[in-house]
Amino acid sequence: MANRNRLQSFTRISRGFNALRQRDPRSSIRAFPLLQRNHVQPAIPEPIDVLRIIQAAVAPVVLISGVGLLLLTLSARLGRIVDRTRIVAAERRAATPTQRDWLDTQISILEHRARLIRLALALSATSVGVIGVLIAVLFLGLLLGWNVTIVCTLLFVTALMCLVVAMFVFVRELFQSLTALKLSVHSAPD
Protein backbone atom coordinates (compact mmCIF):
# COMPACT_ATOMS: atom_id res chain seq x y z
CA MET A 1 0.00 0.00 0.00
CA ALA A 2 2.78 2.43 0.96
CA ASN A 3 4.67 1.67 -2.26
CA ARG A 4 1.54 2.32 -4.30
CA ASN A 5 1.05 5.72 -2.60
CA ARG A 6 4.69 6.62 -3.27
CA LEU A 7 4.30 5.60 -6.91
CA GLN A 8 1.14 7.68 -7.29
CA SER A 9 2.87 10.63 -5.64
CA PHE A 10 5.90 10.29 -7.89
CA THR A 11 3.66 10.01 -10.96
CA ARG A 12 1.74 13.12 -9.93
CA ILE A 13 4.95 15.10 -9.40
CA SER A 14 6.45 14.00 -12.72
CA ARG A 15 3.20 14.93 -14.52
CA GLY A 16 3.38 18.34 -12.83
CA PHE A 17 6.92 18.93 -14.01
CA ASN A 18 6.04 17.78 -17.52
CA ALA A 19 3.08 20.15 -17.53
CA LEU A 20 5.29 22.98 -16.39
CA ARG A 21 7.71 22.19 -19.18
CA GLN A 22 4.85 22.30 -21.67
CA ARG A 23 3.57 25.51 -20.05
CA ASP A 24 0.09 24.18 -19.44
CA PRO A 25 -1.03 25.83 -16.20
CA ARG A 26 -4.22 23.79 -15.81
CA SER A 27 -2.47 20.42 -15.68
CA SER A 28 0.26 21.69 -13.35
CA ILE A 29 -2.40 22.83 -10.86
CA ARG A 30 -4.00 19.37 -10.90
CA ALA A 31 -0.59 17.72 -10.41
CA PHE A 32 0.44 19.91 -7.47
CA PRO A 33 -2.28 20.00 -4.82
CA LEU A 34 -0.64 22.94 -3.04
CA LEU A 35 -1.36 25.11 -6.05
CA GLN A 36 -5.07 24.30 -6.10
CA ARG A 37 -7.60 26.93 -5.08
CA ASN A 38 -8.22 25.54 -1.60
CA HIS A 39 -4.61 26.34 -0.65
CA VAL A 40 -3.28 29.85 -0.12
CA GLN A 41 -0.90 30.91 -2.83
CA PRO A 42 1.94 33.24 -1.89
CA ALA A 43 1.07 36.78 -2.90
CA ILE A 44 3.42 38.55 -5.26
CA PRO A 45 3.91 42.03 -3.88
CA GLU A 46 2.97 45.03 -5.98
CA PRO A 47 5.79 47.39 -7.07
CA ILE A 48 4.67 50.08 -4.62
CA ASP A 49 4.83 47.51 -1.81
CA VAL A 50 8.34 46.53 -2.85
CA LEU A 51 9.30 50.20 -2.73
CA ARG A 52 7.96 50.51 0.82
CA ILE A 53 9.80 47.34 1.83
CA ILE A 54 13.06 48.69 0.45
CA GLN A 55 12.52 52.04 2.21
CA ALA A 56 11.90 50.30 5.54
CA ALA A 57 14.95 48.08 5.12
CA VAL A 58 17.26 50.90 4.03
CA ALA A 59 16.34 53.25 6.89
CA PRO A 60 18.81 51.60 9.35
CA VAL A 61 21.61 52.20 6.83
CA VAL A 62 21.80 55.77 8.14
CA LEU A 63 22.86 54.30 11.47
CA ILE A 64 25.52 52.23 9.71
CA SER A 65 27.01 55.31 8.06
CA GLY A 66 27.13 57.12 11.41
CA VAL A 67 28.84 54.18 13.06
CA GLY A 68 31.20 54.05 10.09
CA LEU A 69 32.40 57.56 10.95
CA LEU A 70 32.94 56.45 14.54
CA LEU A 71 34.95 53.46 13.29
CA LEU A 72 37.06 55.79 11.17
CA THR A 73 37.78 58.01 14.17
CA LEU A 74 38.60 55.07 16.42
CA SER A 75 40.94 53.46 13.90
CA ALA A 76 42.76 56.78 13.41
CA ARG A 77 43.21 57.09 17.18
CA LEU A 78 44.49 53.53 17.37
CA GLY A 79 47.01 54.30 14.64
CA ARG A 80 48.25 57.32 16.55
CA ILE A 81 48.59 55.26 19.73
CA VAL A 82 50.57 52.57 17.90
CA ASP A 83 52.85 55.20 16.36
CA ARG A 84 53.43 56.86 19.73
CA THR A 85 54.14 53.48 21.35
CA ARG A 86 56.81 52.74 18.74
CA ILE A 87 58.47 56.11 19.37
CA VAL A 88 58.44 55.64 23.16
CA ALA A 89 59.77 52.08 22.82
CA ALA A 90 62.65 53.35 20.66
CA GLU A 91 63.41 56.06 23.23
CA ARG A 92 63.32 53.46 26.00
CA ARG A 93 66.09 51.42 24.38
CA ALA A 94 68.45 54.41 24.48
CA ALA A 95 67.36 55.75 27.89
CA THR A 96 68.99 55.71 31.30
CA PRO A 97 67.43 53.56 34.06
CA THR A 98 65.64 56.58 35.57
CA GLN A 99 64.15 57.52 32.22
CA ARG A 100 63.18 53.89 31.55
CA ASP A 101 60.82 53.82 34.53
CA TRP A 102 59.06 56.92 33.26
CA LEU A 103 58.95 55.54 29.69
CA ASP A 104 57.62 52.20 30.99
CA THR A 105 54.78 54.12 32.63
CA GLN A 106 54.10 55.86 29.32
CA ILE A 107 54.10 52.52 27.46
CA SER A 108 51.71 50.95 29.97
CA ILE A 109 49.31 53.90 29.60
CA LEU A 110 49.53 53.62 25.79
CA GLU A 111 48.86 49.87 25.97
CA HIS A 112 45.81 50.48 28.15
CA ARG A 113 44.54 53.13 25.73
CA ALA A 114 45.07 50.76 22.80
CA ARG A 115 43.04 48.06 24.57
CA LEU A 116 40.22 50.53 25.20
CA ILE A 117 40.19 51.64 21.55
CA ARG A 118 40.27 48.03 20.41
CA LEU A 119 37.25 47.27 22.60
CA ALA A 120 35.39 50.32 21.27
CA LEU A 121 36.22 49.26 17.70
CA ALA A 122 34.99 45.72 18.34
CA LEU A 123 31.74 46.97 19.87
CA SER A 124 31.17 49.42 17.03
CA ALA A 125 31.85 46.77 14.40
CA THR A 126 29.50 44.40 16.23
CA SER A 127 26.86 47.12 16.12
CA VAL A 128 27.29 47.42 12.35
CA GLY A 129 27.04 43.64 11.97
CA VAL A 130 23.87 43.47 14.05
CA ILE A 131 22.36 46.33 12.05
CA GLY A 132 23.17 44.42 8.85
CA VAL A 133 21.35 41.36 10.20
CA LEU A 134 18.48 43.64 11.25
CA ILE A 135 18.18 44.99 7.71
CA ALA A 136 18.16 41.49 6.22
CA VAL A 137 15.55 40.21 8.70
CA LEU A 138 13.40 43.30 8.24
CA PHE A 139 13.55 43.04 4.46
CA LEU A 140 12.73 39.32 4.44
CA GLY A 141 10.00 39.76 7.03
CA LEU A 142 8.29 42.50 5.05
CA LEU A 143 8.73 40.72 1.74
CA LEU A 144 7.53 37.32 2.95
CA GLY A 145 4.93 38.57 5.42
CA TRP A 146 6.65 37.20 8.53
CA ASN A 147 6.05 38.74 11.93
CA VAL A 148 9.58 39.84 12.85
CA THR A 149 8.66 42.54 15.35
CA ILE A 150 10.30 40.93 18.37
CA VAL A 151 13.41 39.83 16.46
CA CYS A 152 13.89 43.28 14.92
CA THR A 153 13.35 44.98 18.27
CA LEU A 154 15.92 42.75 19.95
CA LEU A 155 18.42 43.29 17.14
CA PHE A 156 17.93 47.05 17.22
CA VAL A 157 18.31 47.22 21.01
CA THR A 158 21.42 45.03 20.80
CA ALA A 159 22.97 47.28 18.14
CA LEU A 160 22.24 50.41 20.17
CA MET A 161 23.59 48.86 23.37
CA CYS A 162 26.83 47.92 21.59
CA LEU A 163 27.06 51.46 20.27
CA VAL A 164 26.38 53.08 23.66
CA VAL A 165 28.96 50.89 25.41
CA ALA A 166 31.46 51.67 22.62
CA MET A 167 30.90 55.38 23.22
CA PHE A 168 31.46 54.99 26.98
CA VAL A 169 34.69 53.10 26.29
CA PHE A 170 35.74 55.83 23.85
CA VAL A 171 35.11 58.53 26.46
CA ARG A 172 37.12 56.48 28.98
CA GLU A 173 40.00 56.39 26.49
CA LEU A 174 39.77 60.17 26.06
CA PHE A 175 40.15 60.63 29.83
CA GLN A 176 43.05 58.18 29.81
CA SER A 177 44.77 60.21 27.08
CA LEU A 178 44.45 63.37 29.20
CA THR A 179 45.98 61.51 32.13
CA ALA A 180 48.90 60.51 29.93
CA LEU A 181 49.29 64.09 28.78
CA LYS A 182 49.41 65.39 32.37
CA LEU A 183 51.93 62.72 33.26
CA SER A 184 54.18 63.58 30.34
CA VAL A 185 54.04 67.33 31.00
CA HIS A 186 54.40 67.39 34.78
CA SER A 187 56.64 64.42 35.54
CA ALA A 188 58.99 64.16 32.58
CA PRO A 189 62.55 63.29 33.71
CA ASP A 190 65.33 65.68 32.84
C-alpha atoms as a PDB file:
ATOM      1  CA  MET A   1       0.000   0.000   0.000  1.00  0.00           C
ATOM      2  CA  ALA A   2       2.783   2.428   0.956  1.00  0.00           C
ATOM      3  CA  ASN A   3       4.666   1.674  -2.261  1.00  0.00           C
ATOM      4  CA  ARG A   4       1.540   2.323  -4.301  1.00  0.00           C
ATOM      5  CA  ASN A   5       1.054   5.723  -2.600  1.00  0.00           C
ATOM      6  CA  ARG A   6       4.687   6.620  -3.266  1.00  0.00           C
ATOM      7  CA  LEU A   7       4.303   5.599  -6.915  1.00  0.00           C
ATOM      8  CA  GLN A   8       1.144   7.683  -7.290  1.00  0.00           C
ATOM      9  CA  SER A   9       2.872  10.628  -5.636  1.00  0.00           C
ATOM     10  CA  PHE A  10       5.896  10.286  -7.894  1.00  0.00           C
ATOM     11  CA  THR A  11       3.663  10.011 -10.964  1.00  0.00           C
ATOM     12  CA  ARG A  12       1.737  13.122  -9.932  1.00  0.00           C
ATOM     13  CA  ILE A  13       4.952  15.102  -9.404  1.00  0.00           C
ATOM     14  CA  SER A  14       6.450  13.997 -12.720  1.00  0.00           C
ATOM     15  CA  ARG A  15       3.203  14.932 -14.518  1.00  0.00           C
ATOM     16  CA  GLY A  16       3.383  18.345 -12.835  1.00  0.00           C
ATOM     17  CA  PHE A  17       6.920  18.931 -14.011  1.00  0.00           C
ATOM     18  CA  ASN A  18       6.042  17.777 -17.521  1.00  0.00           C
ATOM     19  CA  ALA A  19       3.081  20.145 -17.525  1.00  0.00           C
ATOM     20  CA  LEU A  20       5.294  22.981 -16.389  1.00  0.00           C
ATOM     21  CA  ARG A  21       7.713  22.191 -19.178  1.00  0.00           C
ATOM     22  CA  GLN A  22       4.852  22.299 -21.667  1.00  0.00           C
ATOM     23  CA  ARG A  23       3.565  25.513 -20.047  1.00  0.00           C
ATOM     24  CA  ASP A  24       0.086  24.178 -19.437  1.00  0.00           C
ATOM     25  CA  PRO A  25      -1.029  25.829 -16.199  1.00  0.00           C
ATOM     26  CA  ARG A  26      -4.216  23.793 -15.812  1.00  0.00           C
ATOM     27  CA  SER A  27      -2.467  20.421 -15.685  1.00  0.00           C
ATOM     28  CA  SER A  28       0.263  21.686 -13.349  1.00  0.00           C
ATOM     29  CA  ILE A  29      -2.396  22.832 -10.860  1.00  0.00           C
ATOM     30  CA  ARG A  30      -3.996  19.370 -10.895  1.00  0.00           C
ATOM     31  CA  ALA A  31      -0.594  17.721 -10.405  1.00  0.00           C
ATOM     32  CA  PHE A  32       0.436  19.913  -7.465  1.00  0.00           C
ATOM     33  CA  PRO A  33      -2.277  19.996  -4.823  1.00  0.00           C
ATOM     34  CA  LEU A  34      -0.643  22.943  -3.038  1.00  0.00           C
ATOM     35  CA  LEU A  35      -1.362  25.113  -6.054  1.00  0.00           C
ATOM     36  CA  GLN A  36      -5.070  24.298  -6.103  1.00  0.00           C
ATOM     37  CA  ARG A  37      -7.598  26.930  -5.084  1.00  0.00           C
ATOM     38  CA  ASN A  38      -8.223  25.537  -1.601  1.00  0.00           C
ATOM     39  CA  HIS A  39      -4.612  26.340  -0.649  1.00  0.00           C
ATOM     40  CA  VAL A  40      -3.277  29.851  -0.123  1.00  0.00           C
ATOM     41  CA  GLN A  41      -0.899  30.912  -2.833  1.00  0.00           C
ATOM     42  CA  PRO A  42       1.938  33.243  -1.889  1.00  0.00           C
ATOM     43  CA  ALA A  43       1.074  36.778  -2.899  1.00  0.00           C
ATOM     44  CA  ILE A  44       3.416  38.545  -5.256  1.00  0.00           C
ATOM     45  CA  PRO A  45       3.910  42.032  -3.878  1.00  0.00           C
ATOM     46  CA  GLU A  46       2.974  45.027  -5.978  1.00  0.00           C
ATOM     47  CA  PRO A  47       5.788  47.389  -7.072  1.00  0.00           C
ATOM     48  CA  ILE A  48       4.675  50.075  -4.619  1.00  0.00           C
ATOM     49  CA  ASP A  49       4.827  47.508  -1.809  1.00  0.00           C
ATOM     50  CA  VAL A  50       8.340  46.530  -2.850  1.00  0.00           C
ATOM     51  CA  LEU A  51       9.302  50.204  -2.731  1.00  0.00           C
ATOM     52  CA  ARG A  52       7.964  50.512   0.825  1.00  0.00           C
ATOM     53  CA  ILE A  53       9.804  47.344   1.831  1.00  0.00           C
ATOM     54  CA  ILE A  54      13.061  48.694   0.447  1.00  0.00           C
ATOM     55  CA  GLN A  55      12.518  52.041   2.206  1.00  0.00           C
ATOM     56  CA  ALA A  56      11.900  50.299   5.535  1.00  0.00           C
ATOM     57  CA  ALA A  57      14.951  48.079   5.117  1.00  0.00           C
ATOM     58  CA  VAL A  58      17.255  50.903   4.026  1.00  0.00           C
ATOM     59  CA  ALA A  59      16.336  53.247   6.892  1.00  0.00           C
ATOM     60  CA  PRO A  60      18.810  51.602   9.354  1.00  0.00           C
ATOM     61  CA  VAL A  61      21.607  52.199   6.830  1.00  0.00           C
ATOM     62  CA  VAL A  62      21.804  55.773   8.139  1.00  0.00           C
ATOM     63  CA  LEU A  63      22.862  54.305  11.474  1.00  0.00           C
ATOM     64  CA  ILE A  64      25.523  52.227   9.714  1.00  0.00           C
ATOM     65  CA  SER A  65      27.009  55.313   8.060  1.00  0.00           C
ATOM     66  CA  GLY A  66      27.132  57.116  11.410  1.00  0.00           C
ATOM     67  CA  VAL A  67      28.844  54.181  13.065  1.00  0.00           C
ATOM     68  CA  GLY A  68      31.205  54.051  10.087  1.00  0.00           C
ATOM     69  CA  LEU A  69      32.396  57.560  10.952  1.00  0.00           C
ATOM     70  CA  LEU A  70      32.941  56.447  14.537  1.00  0.00           C
ATOM     71  CA  LEU A  71      34.945  53.456  13.288  1.00  0.00           C
ATOM     72  CA  LEU A  72      37.059  55.785  11.167  1.00  0.00           C
ATOM     73  CA  THR A  73      37.778  58.012  14.165  1.00  0.00           C
ATOM     74  CA  LEU A  74      38.598  55.069  16.417  1.00  0.00           C
ATOM     75  CA  SER A  75      40.937  53.458  13.904  1.00  0.00           C
ATOM     76  CA  ALA A  76      42.762  56.785  13.411  1.00  0.00           C
ATOM     77  CA  ARG A  77      43.213  57.088  17.180  1.00  0.00           C
ATOM     78  CA  LEU A  78      44.486  53.535  17.372  1.00  0.00           C
ATOM     79  CA  GLY A  79      47.007  54.304  14.638  1.00  0.00           C
ATOM     80  CA  ARG A  80      48.252  57.322  16.553  1.00  0.00           C
ATOM     81  CA  ILE A  81      48.590  55.258  19.729  1.00  0.00           C
ATOM     82  CA  VAL A  82      50.574  52.574  17.896  1.00  0.00           C
ATOM     83  CA  ASP A  83      52.853  55.201  16.361  1.00  0.00           C
ATOM     84  CA  ARG A  84      53.430  56.859  19.725  1.00  0.00           C
ATOM     85  CA  THR A  85      54.139  53.477  21.345  1.00  0.00           C
ATOM     86  CA  ARG A  86      56.807  52.738  18.741  1.00  0.00           C
ATOM     87  CA  ILE A  87      58.467  56.111  19.372  1.00  0.00           C
ATOM     88  CA  VAL A  88      58.442  55.645  23.156  1.00  0.00           C
ATOM     89  CA  ALA A  89      59.769  52.079  22.815  1.00  0.00           C
ATOM     90  CA  ALA A  90      62.647  53.346  20.659  1.00  0.00           C
ATOM     91  CA  GLU A  91      63.407  56.063  23.232  1.00  0.00           C
ATOM     92  CA  ARG A  92      63.323  53.459  26.001  1.00  0.00           C
ATOM     93  CA  ARG A  93      66.092  51.416  24.382  1.00  0.00           C
ATOM     94  CA  ALA A  94      68.451  54.415  24.483  1.00  0.00           C
ATOM     95  CA  ALA A  95      67.358  55.753  27.885  1.00  0.00           C
ATOM     96  CA  THR A  96      68.988  55.713  31.298  1.00  0.00           C
ATOM     97  CA  PRO A  97      67.427  53.560  34.062  1.00  0.00           C
ATOM     98  CA  THR A  98      65.640  56.580  35.566  1.00  0.00           C
ATOM     99  CA  GLN A  99      64.148  57.519  32.219  1.00  0.00           C
ATOM    100  CA  ARG A 100      63.182  53.886  31.548  1.00  0.00           C
ATOM    101  CA  ASP A 101      60.823  53.824  34.530  1.00  0.00           C
ATOM    102  CA  TRP A 102      59.061  56.916  33.264  1.00  0.00           C
ATOM    103  CA  LEU A 103      58.950  55.538  29.690  1.00  0.00           C
ATOM    104  CA  ASP A 104      57.623  52.196  30.990  1.00  0.00           C
ATOM    105  CA  THR A 105      54.775  54.121  32.628  1.00  0.00           C
ATOM    106  CA  GLN A 106      54.097  55.860  29.322  1.00  0.00           C
ATOM    107  CA  ILE A 107      54.103  52.523  27.463  1.00  0.00           C
ATOM    108  CA  SER A 108      51.705  50.952  29.966  1.00  0.00           C
ATOM    109  CA  ILE A 109      49.308  53.897  29.595  1.00  0.00           C
ATOM    110  CA  LEU A 110      49.525  53.622  25.791  1.00  0.00           C
ATOM    111  CA  GLU A 111      48.859  49.872  25.974  1.00  0.00           C
ATOM    112  CA  HIS A 112      45.808  50.476  28.147  1.00  0.00           C
ATOM    113  CA  ARG A 113      44.542  53.134  25.732  1.00  0.00           C
ATOM    114  CA  ALA A 114      45.067  50.759  22.801  1.00  0.00           C
ATOM    115  CA  ARG A 115      43.042  48.058  24.567  1.00  0.00           C
ATOM    116  CA  LEU A 116      40.222  50.528  25.199  1.00  0.00           C
ATOM    117  CA  ILE A 117      40.195  51.641  21.554  1.00  0.00           C
ATOM    118  CA  ARG A 118      40.273  48.026  20.408  1.00  0.00           C
ATOM    119  CA  LEU A 119      37.246  47.267  22.601  1.00  0.00           C
ATOM    120  CA  ALA A 120      35.394  50.321  21.265  1.00  0.00           C
ATOM    121  CA  LEU A 121      36.225  49.263  17.703  1.00  0.00           C
ATOM    122  CA  ALA A 122      34.992  45.724  18.340  1.00  0.00           C
ATOM    123  CA  LEU A 123      31.743  46.969  19.874  1.00  0.00           C
ATOM    124  CA  SER A 124      31.165  49.425  17.027  1.00  0.00           C
ATOM    125  CA  ALA A 125      31.851  46.768  14.395  1.00  0.00           C
ATOM    126  CA  THR A 126      29.501  44.399  16.231  1.00  0.00           C
ATOM    127  CA  SER A 127      26.862  47.116  16.124  1.00  0.00           C
ATOM    128  CA  VAL A 128      27.287  47.420  12.348  1.00  0.00           C
ATOM    129  CA  GLY A 129      27.041  43.637  11.970  1.00  0.00           C
ATOM    130  CA  VAL A 130      23.866  43.470  14.054  1.00  0.00           C
ATOM    131  CA  ILE A 131      22.364  46.335  12.046  1.00  0.00           C
ATOM    132  CA  GLY A 132      23.171  44.421   8.854  1.00  0.00           C
ATOM    133  CA  VAL A 133      21.355  41.361  10.202  1.00  0.00           C
ATOM    134  CA  LEU A 134      18.485  43.644  11.249  1.00  0.00           C
ATOM    135  CA  ILE A 135      18.182  44.988   7.710  1.00  0.00           C
ATOM    136  CA  ALA A 136      18.159  41.492   6.224  1.00  0.00           C
ATOM    137  CA  VAL A 137      15.549  40.213   8.705  1.00  0.00           C
ATOM    138  CA  LEU A 138      13.397  43.305   8.244  1.00  0.00           C
ATOM    139  CA  PHE A 139      13.546  43.045   4.461  1.00  0.00           C
ATOM    140  CA  LEU A 140      12.727  39.321   4.437  1.00  0.00           C
ATOM    141  CA  GLY A 141       9.997  39.763   7.029  1.00  0.00           C
ATOM    142  CA  LEU A 142       8.287  42.497   5.052  1.00  0.00           C
ATOM    143  CA  LEU A 143       8.733  40.718   1.744  1.00  0.00           C
ATOM    144  CA  LEU A 144       7.527  37.320   2.947  1.00  0.00           C
ATOM    145  CA  GLY A 145       4.934  38.573   5.419  1.00  0.00           C
ATOM    146  CA  TRP A 146       6.652  37.202   8.532  1.00  0.00           C
ATOM    147  CA  ASN A 147       6.047  38.745  11.927  1.00  0.00           C
ATOM    148  CA  VAL A 148       9.576  39.839  12.853  1.00  0.00           C
ATOM    149  CA  THR A 149       8.661  42.543  15.350  1.00  0.00           C
ATOM    150  CA  ILE A 150      10.297  40.926  18.370  1.00  0.00           C
ATOM    151  CA  VAL A 151      13.407  39.830  16.460  1.00  0.00           C
ATOM    152  CA  CYS A 152      13.886  43.277  14.917  1.00  0.00           C
ATOM    153  CA  THR A 153      13.346  44.979  18.265  1.00  0.00           C
ATOM    154  CA  LEU A 154      15.924  42.754  19.951  1.00  0.00           C
ATOM    155  CA  LEU A 155      18.419  43.286  17.138  1.00  0.00           C
ATOM    156  CA  PHE A 156      17.926  47.055  17.224  1.00  0.00           C
ATOM    157  CA  VAL A 157      18.307  47.224  21.013  1.00  0.00           C
ATOM    158  CA  THR A 158      21.424  45.025  20.801  1.00  0.00           C
ATOM    159  CA  ALA A 159      22.966  47.276  18.142  1.00  0.00           C
ATOM    160  CA  LEU A 160      22.240  50.405  20.166  1.00  0.00           C
ATOM    161  CA  MET A 161      23.589  48.860  23.373  1.00  0.00           C
ATOM    162  CA  CYS A 162      26.835  47.923  21.591  1.00  0.00           C
ATOM    163  CA  LEU A 163      27.064  51.465  20.267  1.00  0.00           C
ATOM    164  CA  VAL A 164      26.382  53.084  23.659  1.00  0.00           C
ATOM    165  CA  VAL A 165      28.961  50.891  25.409  1.00  0.00           C
ATOM    166  CA  ALA A 166      31.464  51.673  22.625  1.00  0.00           C
ATOM    167  CA  MET A 167      30.902  55.381  23.216  1.00  0.00           C
ATOM    168  CA  PHE A 168      31.458  54.994  26.975  1.00  0.00           C
ATOM    169  CA  VAL A 169      34.694  53.102  26.291  1.00  0.00           C
ATOM    170  CA  PHE A 170      35.736  55.827  23.850  1.00  0.00           C
ATOM    171  CA  VAL A 171      35.113  58.532  26.461  1.00  0.00           C
ATOM    172  CA  ARG A 172      37.119  56.481  28.984  1.00  0.00           C
ATOM    173  CA  GLU A 173      40.003  56.389  26.491  1.00  0.00           C
ATOM    174  CA  LEU A 174      39.775  60.165  26.065  1.00  0.00           C
ATOM    175  CA  PHE A 175      40.152  60.629  29.834  1.00  0.00           C
ATOM    176  CA  GLN A 176      43.050  58.183  29.810  1.00  0.00           C
ATOM    177  CA  SER A 177      44.774  60.208  27.082  1.00  0.00           C
ATOM    178  CA  LEU A 178      44.451  63.369  29.199  1.00  0.00           C
ATOM    179  CA  THR A 179      45.976  61.507  32.131  1.00  0.00           C
ATOM    180  CA  ALA A 180      48.903  60.508  29.930  1.00  0.00           C
ATOM    181  CA  LEU A 181      49.291  64.094  28.784  1.00  0.00           C
ATOM    182  CA  LYS A 182      49.408  65.386  32.368  1.00  0.00           C
ATOM    183  CA  LEU A 183      51.931  62.721  33.264  1.00  0.00           C
ATOM    184  CA  SER A 184      54.182  63.582  30.340  1.00  0.00           C
ATOM    185  CA  VAL A 185      54.043  67.332  31.002  1.00  0.00           C
ATOM    186  CA  HIS A 186      54.400  67.387  34.784  1.00  0.00           C
ATOM    187  CA  SER A 187      56.642  64.422  35.541  1.00  0.00           C
ATOM    188  CA  ALA A 188      58.995  64.160  32.578  1.00  0.00           C
ATOM    189  CA  PRO A 189      62.546  63.290  33.715  1.00  0.00           C
ATOM    190  CA  ASP A 190      65.327  65.676  32.842  1.00  0.00           C
END
